[in-house]
């Protein structure tokens, strides 16, 4: 699963080139009830094996997959397919069909549990899905993996939406954020609200050699985002029955394209229309996750916008109560509810004195 981080200016990562020997297996092996896990240390291997013991039976049931297909996961630091390529791919994990093996990045596997479990579920969908889905173009298969993984790990929904929805907006004007805060005049009782609008734009993060090797033509970050929106909408409409029927049509189609699936879902792909569609559906939890991913940039923005104060910057933030609202939508988040933002704002105010 490619790692897409929404930022004010997303870094363009060029594809890797060249070949080399396959990376060696991590040294510690742990055989759980459902999967073999290899990692650098026993604690990590046992933790991931425990997650898989809970996840694999549910993934098999969801995908009607055979219980005979073994699951093997390598937890790597750094994540790598080849031993002789130093640059790390911008992914959190991938499935290698030729070897029947899943690779995941160690920092993700031992990080927040909802993301770690989602990444494992996403890669399990790639491994365990049956041949009936093969006509889907690579981007749609990624969307399918995202959506089915969220059935298994619903607690990761806001986080995944915060990764995918901005990616879908790369070719658009991004999101317009209304930022407002309360300000008292000379400690008088009268308080008024100050408002400004900031533009949150997104740029692509290209796929790496790993994605090229596994899926053929590279899948752009934008198509990952658009495919997620499309497959998510199709699930809302009919539980993915229509998408599956299109893949299994008689005669069997060579491919089911992103454009075909978008028409089925009623999701517009024209940039301005897609932006309006995403904005209308974005919820406050997703906006909060997007801002949390960019907490340093958001803190810089607030430090420039909010009136200077010689007092305690923490008390200043609590008094001004700044908030962020999507222009044209309903999502709204208080600055104090964005993880890490208060601390980052205090750091900037303190260092500026």
Protein backbone atom coordinates (compact mmCIF):
# COMPACT_ATOMS: atom_id res chain seq x y z
CA UNK A 1 0.00 0.00 0.00
CA UNK A 2 1.67 3.24 -1.05
CA UNK A 3 2.14 5.71 1.73
CA UNK A 4 0.47 8.99 0.75
CA UNK A 5 0.94 11.87 3.16
CA UNK A 6 -1.19 14.95 2.64
CA UNK A 7 0.95 18.06 3.09
CA UNK A 8 0.97 21.64 1.97
CA UNK A 9 3.60 20.62 -0.54
CA UNK A 10 3.89 16.86 -1.04
CA UNK A 11 7.35 15.68 -2.01
CA UNK A 12 7.76 14.26 -5.50
CA UNK A 13 9.53 10.91 -5.16
CA UNK A 14 10.97 9.53 -8.38
CA UNK A 15 10.75 5.84 -9.24
CA UNK A 16 13.73 3.68 -8.44
CA UNK A 17 15.80 2.06 -11.13
CA UNK A 18 18.09 -0.92 -11.40
CA UNK A 19 18.01 -4.47 -10.04
CA UNK A 20 19.73 -6.43 -7.33
CA UNK A 21 19.53 -9.46 -5.06
CA UNK A 22 16.39 -9.92 -3.01
CA UNK A 23 16.59 -8.68 0.56
CA UNK A 24 17.38 -11.29 3.20
CA UNK A 25 14.79 -12.41 5.72
CA UNK A 26 14.60 -10.62 9.10
CA UNK A 27 16.36 -12.77 11.72
CA UNK A 28 13.54 -13.59 14.18
CA UNK A 29 10.65 -15.88 13.20
CA UNK A 30 7.38 -16.27 15.10
CA UNK A 31 4.80 -18.83 13.99
CA UNK A 32 1.36 -17.70 15.12
CA UNK A 33 -1.90 -19.58 14.73
CA UNK A 34 -2.57 -17.92 11.37
CA UNK A 35 0.72 -16.63 9.98
CA UNK A 36 4.49 -16.82 10.03
CA UNK A 37 6.04 -13.48 10.93
CA UNK A 38 9.70 -12.52 10.55
CA UNK A 39 11.06 -9.38 12.21
CA UNK A 40 14.22 -7.87 13.75
CA UNK A 41 13.22 -8.75 17.31
CA UNK A 42 10.93 -11.14 19.13
CA UNK A 43 8.65 -8.45 20.58
CA UNK A 44 7.79 -7.08 17.13
CA UNK A 45 7.32 -10.53 15.63
CA UNK A 46 4.97 -11.58 18.43
CA UNK A 47 2.99 -8.33 18.25
CA UNK A 48 2.38 -8.62 14.51
CA UNK A 49 1.62 -12.35 14.79
CA UNK A 50 -1.00 -11.52 17.42
CA UNK A 51 -2.64 -8.95 15.12
CA UNK A 52 -2.68 -11.51 12.30
CA UNK A 53 -4.20 -14.21 14.52
CA UNK A 54 -7.24 -11.98 14.90
CA UNK A 55 -7.25 -10.56 11.37
CA UNK A 56 -6.56 -13.47 9.01
CA UNK A 57 -9.69 -15.56 9.80
CA UNK A 58 -11.90 -12.51 9.31
CA UNK A 59 -10.13 -11.63 6.04
CA UNK A 60 -10.55 -15.19 4.76
CA UNK A 61 -14.26 -15.10 5.64
CA UNK A 62 -14.75 -11.69 4.00
CA UNK A 63 -13.02 -12.83 0.80
CA UNK A 64 -14.22 -16.46 0.86
CA UNK A 65 -10.56 -17.46 0.68
CA UNK A 66 -9.17 -20.94 1.22
CA UNK A 67 -7.78 -21.68 4.66
CA UNK A 68 -5.00 -23.66 2.97
CA UNK A 69 -3.23 -20.59 1.61
CA UNK A 70 -0.33 -19.80 3.98
CA UNK A 71 0.32 -16.25 5.15
CA UNK A 72 3.89 -15.03 5.68
CA UNK A 73 4.77 -11.47 6.70
CA UNK A 74 8.17 -9.82 6.82
CA UNK A 75 8.45 -6.77 9.05
CA UNK A 76 11.36 -4.76 7.71
CA UNK A 77 13.43 -1.74 8.70
CA UNK A 78 14.01 -0.43 6.13
CA UNK A 79 11.24 -1.76 3.92
CA UNK A 80 12.94 -3.35 0.90
CA UNK A 81 12.46 -5.81 -1.91
CA UNK A 82 16.09 -5.77 -3.06
CA UNK A 83 19.18 -5.82 -0.90
CA UNK A 84 21.26 -3.56 -3.14
CA UNK A 85 18.85 -0.63 -3.49
CA UNK A 86 19.32 1.90 -0.72
CA UNK A 87 16.40 4.26 -1.38
CA UNK A 88 13.31 3.21 0.56
CA UNK A 89 10.04 2.98 -1.37
CA UNK A 90 7.32 5.43 -0.31
CA UNK A 91 5.07 2.58 0.80
CA UNK A 92 3.94 1.13 4.09
CA UNK A 93 3.74 -2.39 2.71
CA UNK A 94 3.35 -4.57 -0.36
CA UNK A 95 2.40 -8.10 -1.35
CA UNK A 96 4.81 -10.10 -3.52
CA UNK A 97 2.69 -12.62 -5.49
CA UNK A 98 5.65 -14.56 -6.89
CA UNK A 99 6.75 -15.47 -3.35
CA UNK A 100 3.35 -15.37 -1.63
CA UNK A 101 4.72 -12.96 0.95
CA UNK A 102 3.68 -9.65 2.52
CA UNK A 103 6.27 -7.01 3.46
CA UNK A 104 5.43 -4.20 5.92
CA UNK A 105 7.44 -1.28 7.23
CA UNK A 106 8.55 -1.81 10.84
CA UNK A 107 7.81 1.75 11.95
CA UNK A 108 4.18 1.28 10.88
CA UNK A 109 3.82 -2.23 12.27
CA UNK A 110 4.86 -1.10 15.76
CA UNK A 111 3.10 2.30 15.61
CA UNK A 112 -0.55 3.17 16.15
CA UNK A 113 -2.53 -0.05 16.14
CA UNK A 114 -5.37 1.03 13.83
CA UNK A 115 -2.92 1.90 11.05
CA UNK A 116 -0.79 -1.22 11.58
CA UNK A 117 -3.86 -3.47 11.43
CA UNK A 118 -5.24 -1.65 8.39
CA UNK A 119 -1.96 -2.05 6.46
CA UNK A 120 -1.94 -5.78 7.19
CA UNK A 121 -5.60 -6.08 6.18
CA UNK A 122 -4.99 -4.16 2.94
CA UNK A 123 -2.15 -6.48 1.92
CA UNK A 124 -4.16 -9.56 2.93
CA UNK A 125 -6.87 -8.51 0.47
CA UNK A 126 -4.26 -8.52 -2.31
CA UNK A 127 -3.12 -12.01 -1.30
CA UNK A 128 -6.47 -13.65 -0.55
CA UNK A 129 -8.84 -12.16 -3.14
CA UNK A 130 -9.96 -14.65 -5.80
CA UNK A 131 -9.47 -14.51 -9.57
CA UNK A 132 -12.93 -13.06 -10.20
CA UNK A 133 -11.56 -9.58 -9.42
CA UNK A 134 -8.65 -9.78 -11.89
CA UNK A 135 -10.20 -7.53 -14.59
CA UNK A 136 -9.97 -4.54 -12.25
CA UNK A 137 -7.22 -2.11 -13.28
CA UNK A 138 -4.48 -1.80 -10.63
CA UNK A 139 -5.90 1.42 -9.16
CA UNK A 140 -9.32 -0.18 -8.64
CA UNK A 141 -7.73 -3.21 -6.99
CA UNK A 142 -6.05 -0.82 -4.56
CA UNK A 143 -9.40 0.84 -3.91
CA UNK A 144 -10.94 -2.59 -3.33
CA UNK A 145 -8.15 -3.47 -0.88
CA UNK A 146 -8.70 -0.20 1.00
CA UNK A 147 -12.47 -0.59 1.27
CA UNK A 148 -12.50 -4.26 2.28
CA UNK A 149 -9.68 -3.59 4.77
CA UNK A 150 -11.87 -0.89 6.35
CA UNK A 151 -14.64 -3.47 6.80
CA UNK A 152 -12.14 -5.39 8.90
CA UNK A 153 -10.61 -2.33 10.63
CA UNK A 154 -13.39 0.31 10.78
CA UNK A 155 -11.56 2.26 13.49
CA UNK A 156 -9.05 3.35 10.80
CA UNK A 157 -11.71 4.96 8.59
CA UNK A 158 -10.95 8.63 9.35
CA UNK A 159 -7.21 8.04 9.06
CA UNK A 160 -7.50 6.32 5.68
CA UNK A 161 -9.90 8.94 4.35
CA UNK A 162 -7.38 11.60 5.43
CA UNK A 163 -4.73 9.86 3.32
CA UNK A 164 -6.85 9.10 0.25
CA UNK A 165 -9.17 12.09 -0.14
CA UNK A 166 -6.35 14.68 -0.40
CA UNK A 167 -4.59 12.38 -2.89
CA UNK A 168 -7.70 12.47 -5.07
CA UNK A 169 -7.54 16.28 -5.02
CA UNK A 170 -4.02 16.59 -6.47
CA UNK A 171 -5.33 17.81 -9.83
CA UNK A 172 -7.77 20.27 -8.22
CA UNK A 173 -7.43 23.55 -6.33
CA UNK A 174 -7.33 21.62 -3.06
CA UNK A 175 -9.33 22.56 0.01
CA UNK A 176 -10.30 26.04 1.13
CA UNK A 177 -10.11 26.35 4.91
CA UNK A 178 -11.88 29.08 6.84
CA UNK A 179 -9.85 29.86 9.96
CA UNK A 180 -11.52 31.98 12.63
CA UNK A 181 -10.77 32.97 16.21
CA UNK A 182 -12.23 35.18 18.93
CA UNK A 183 -10.57 38.41 19.99
CA UNK A 184 -11.38 40.80 22.82
CA UNK A 185 -10.77 44.57 22.51
CA UNK A 186 -8.59 45.84 25.35
CA UNK A 187 -9.98 43.30 27.77
CA UNK A 188 -13.47 44.71 27.25
CA UNK A 189 -16.47 42.47 27.35
CA UNK A 190 -17.10 42.87 23.62
CA UNK A 191 -15.65 39.94 21.66
CA UNK A 192 -15.58 39.68 17.89
CA UNK A 193 -14.64 36.93 15.48
CA UNK A 194 -11.81 37.33 12.98
CA UNK A 195 -11.91 35.17 9.88
CA UNK A 196 -9.47 34.37 7.10
CA UNK A 197 -9.31 31.74 4.38
CA UNK A 198 -6.27 29.57 3.63
CA UNK A 199 -5.82 27.21 0.71
CA UNK A 200 -4.64 23.66 1.38
CA UNK A 201 -3.25 22.19 -1.84
CA UNK A 202 -1.75 18.79 -2.60
CA UNK A 203 0.91 17.53 -5.00
CA UNK A 204 1.60 13.96 -6.17
CA UNK A 205 3.91 11.43 -4.59
CA UNK A 206 4.90 8.99 -7.33
CA UNK A 207 5.08 5.24 -6.89
CA UNK A 208 8.36 3.39 -6.55
CA UNK A 209 9.99 0.45 -8.29
CA UNK A 210 8.21 -1.88 -5.87
CA UNK A 211 4.80 -0.80 -7.16
CA UNK A 212 6.00 -1.02 -10.78
CA UNK A 213 7.15 -4.60 -10.22
CA UNK A 214 3.99 -5.72 -8.45
CA UNK A 215 1.26 -4.02 -10.45
CA UNK A 216 2.80 -3.37 -13.86
CA UNK A 217 2.04 0.23 -14.85
CA UNK A 218 2.61 2.49 -11.86
CA UNK A 219 -0.47 3.71 -9.99
CA UNK A 220 -0.31 7.41 -9.21
CA UNK A 221 -1.22 8.79 -5.81
CA UNK A 222 -4.11 10.61 -7.49
CA UNK A 223 -5.54 7.39 -8.90
CA UNK A 224 -5.18 5.67 -5.53
CA UNK A 225 -7.28 8.45 -4.02
CA UNK A 226 -9.86 8.48 -6.79
CA UNK A 227 -10.19 4.69 -6.76
CA UNK A 228 -10.78 4.72 -3.01
CA UNK A 229 -13.59 7.27 -3.40
CA UNK A 230 -15.16 5.29 -6.23
CA UNK A 231 -15.03 1.87 -4.56
CA UNK A 232 -16.18 3.33 -1.24
CA UNK A 233 -19.21 4.84 -2.99
CA UNK A 234 -19.96 1.57 -4.79
CA UNK A 235 -19.93 -0.22 -1.45
CA UNK A 236 -22.43 2.32 -0.10
CA UNK A 237 -24.68 1.69 -3.11
CA UNK A 238 -24.77 -2.11 -3.29
CA UNK A 239 -22.02 -3.62 -1.16
CA UNK A 240 -19.69 -3.93 -4.21
CA UNK A 241 -22.07 -6.33 -5.98
CA UNK A 242 -22.16 -4.10 -9.07
CA UNK A 243 -18.37 -3.83 -9.28
CA UNK A 244 -18.02 -7.61 -8.89
CA UNK A 245 -20.68 -8.18 -11.56
CA UNK A 246 -18.78 -5.90 -13.96
CA UNK A 247 -15.59 -7.89 -13.35
CA UNK A 248 -17.41 -11.21 -13.90
CA UNK A 249 -19.53 -10.14 -16.90
CA UNK A 250 -20.04 -12.54 -19.78
CA UNK A 251 -18.08 -12.23 -21.96
CA UNK A 252 -15.34 -11.60 -19.42
CA UNK A 253 -13.97 -8.06 -19.83
CA UNK A 254 -10.28 -7.51 -20.42
CA UNK A 255 -10.33 -4.69 -17.87
CA UNK A 256 -12.73 -2.71 -15.72
CA UNK A 257 -11.43 0.86 -15.90
CA UNK A 258 -11.45 3.65 -13.36
CA UNK A 259 -13.72 5.69 -15.63
CA UNK A 260 -16.20 2.83 -15.99
CA UNK A 261 -16.36 2.32 -12.23
CA UNK A 262 -16.73 6.09 -11.67
CA UNK A 263 -19.81 6.13 -13.93
CA UNK A 264 -21.29 3.21 -11.99
CA UNK A 265 -20.67 5.03 -8.71
CA UNK A 266 -21.79 8.47 -9.90
CA UNK A 267 -18.44 9.96 -8.83
CA UNK A 268 -17.34 12.88 -11.06
CA UNK A 269 -13.74 12.82 -12.27
CA UNK A 270 -13.63 16.36 -13.70
CA UNK A 271 -11.40 18.22 -11.21
CA UNK A 272 -13.78 20.98 -10.11
CA UNK A 273 -16.74 18.61 -9.78
CA UNK A 274 -14.63 16.02 -7.93
CA UNK A 275 -13.42 18.69 -5.50
CA UNK A 276 -17.00 19.79 -4.75
CA UNK A 277 -18.05 16.15 -4.29
CA UNK A 278 -15.22 15.43 -1.83
CA UNK A 279 -15.86 18.64 0.10
CA UNK A 280 -19.56 17.85 0.46
CA UNK A 281 -18.78 14.43 1.97
CA UNK A 282 -15.79 15.26 4.17
CA UNK A 283 -16.47 14.91 7.89
CA UNK A 284 -14.82 16.62 10.84
CA UNK A 285 -12.87 13.52 11.91
CA UNK A 286 -11.24 13.29 8.47
CA UNK A 287 -10.40 17.00 8.44
CA UNK A 288 -8.83 16.61 11.88
CA UNK A 289 -6.62 13.77 10.63
CA UNK A 290 -5.56 15.82 7.59
CA UNK A 291 -4.55 18.73 9.82
CA UNK A 292 -2.75 16.37 12.21
CA UNK A 293 -0.63 15.08 9.31
CA UNK A 294 0.43 18.67 8.63
CA UNK A 295 0.66 19.89 12.19
CA UNK A 296 3.91 21.84 11.70
CA UNK A 297 2.57 23.76 8.70
CA UNK A 298 -0.71 24.45 10.49
CA UNK A 299 1.15 25.68 13.59
CA UNK A 300 3.24 28.02 11.41
CA UNK A 301 0.06 29.37 9.85
CA UNK A 302 -1.58 30.04 13.23
CA UNK A 303 1.56 31.67 14.63
CA UNK A 304 1.48 34.14 11.73
CA UNK A 305 -2.26 34.80 11.86
CA UNK A 306 -3.02 35.06 15.56
CA UNK A 307 -2.26 38.41 17.26
CA UNK A 308 0.99 38.36 19.27
CA UNK A 309 0.68 38.00 23.02
CA UNK A 310 3.36 38.34 25.69
CA UNK A 311 1.53 35.95 27.99
CA UNK A 312 1.38 32.19 28.16
CA UNK A 313 0.96 30.90 24.55
CA UNK A 314 -1.00 27.92 25.81
CA UNK A 315 -3.49 30.20 27.54
CA UNK A 316 -3.51 32.38 24.40
CA UNK A 317 -4.61 29.45 22.24
CA UNK A 318 -7.34 28.49 24.70
CA UNK A 319 -8.59 32.07 24.87
CA UNK A 320 -8.66 32.72 21.12
CA UNK A 321 -10.21 29.28 20.36
CA UNK A 322 -9.21 29.14 16.67
CA UNK A 323 -11.05 26.65 14.48
CA UNK A 324 -10.88 25.32 10.92
CA UNK A 325 -13.88 24.86 8.65
CA UNK A 326 -14.06 23.51 5.10
CA UNK A 327 -15.45 26.19 2.78
CA UNK A 328 -18.44 24.69 0.99
CA UNK A 329 -18.75 21.77 3.39
CA UNK A 330 -19.76 20.93 6.94
CA UNK A 331 -16.45 19.69 8.40
CA UNK A 332 -15.17 21.85 11.27
CA UNK A 333 -12.38 21.21 13.79
CA UNK A 334 -11.21 23.22 16.80
CA UNK A 335 -7.46 23.81 16.83
CA UNK A 336 -7.23 22.36 20.33
CA UNK A 337 -8.69 19.08 19.00
CA UNK A 338 -5.89 18.58 16.44
CA UNK A 339 -3.30 16.24 18.04
CA UNK A 340 0.03 17.97 18.60
CA UNK A 341 -1.09 21.37 17.35
CA UNK A 342 -1.22 23.13 20.73
CA UNK A 343 2.29 21.94 21.57
CA UNK A 344 3.65 22.97 18.14
CA UNK A 345 2.03 26.42 18.46
CA UNK A 346 3.51 26.94 21.94
CA UNK A 347 6.94 25.97 20.62
CA UNK A 348 6.74 28.57 17.85
CA UNK A 349 5.49 31.32 20.11
CA UNK A 350 8.20 30.58 22.65
CA UNK A 351 11.06 30.44 20.12
CA UNK A 352 9.94 33.75 18.54
CA UNK A 353 10.44 35.71 21.79
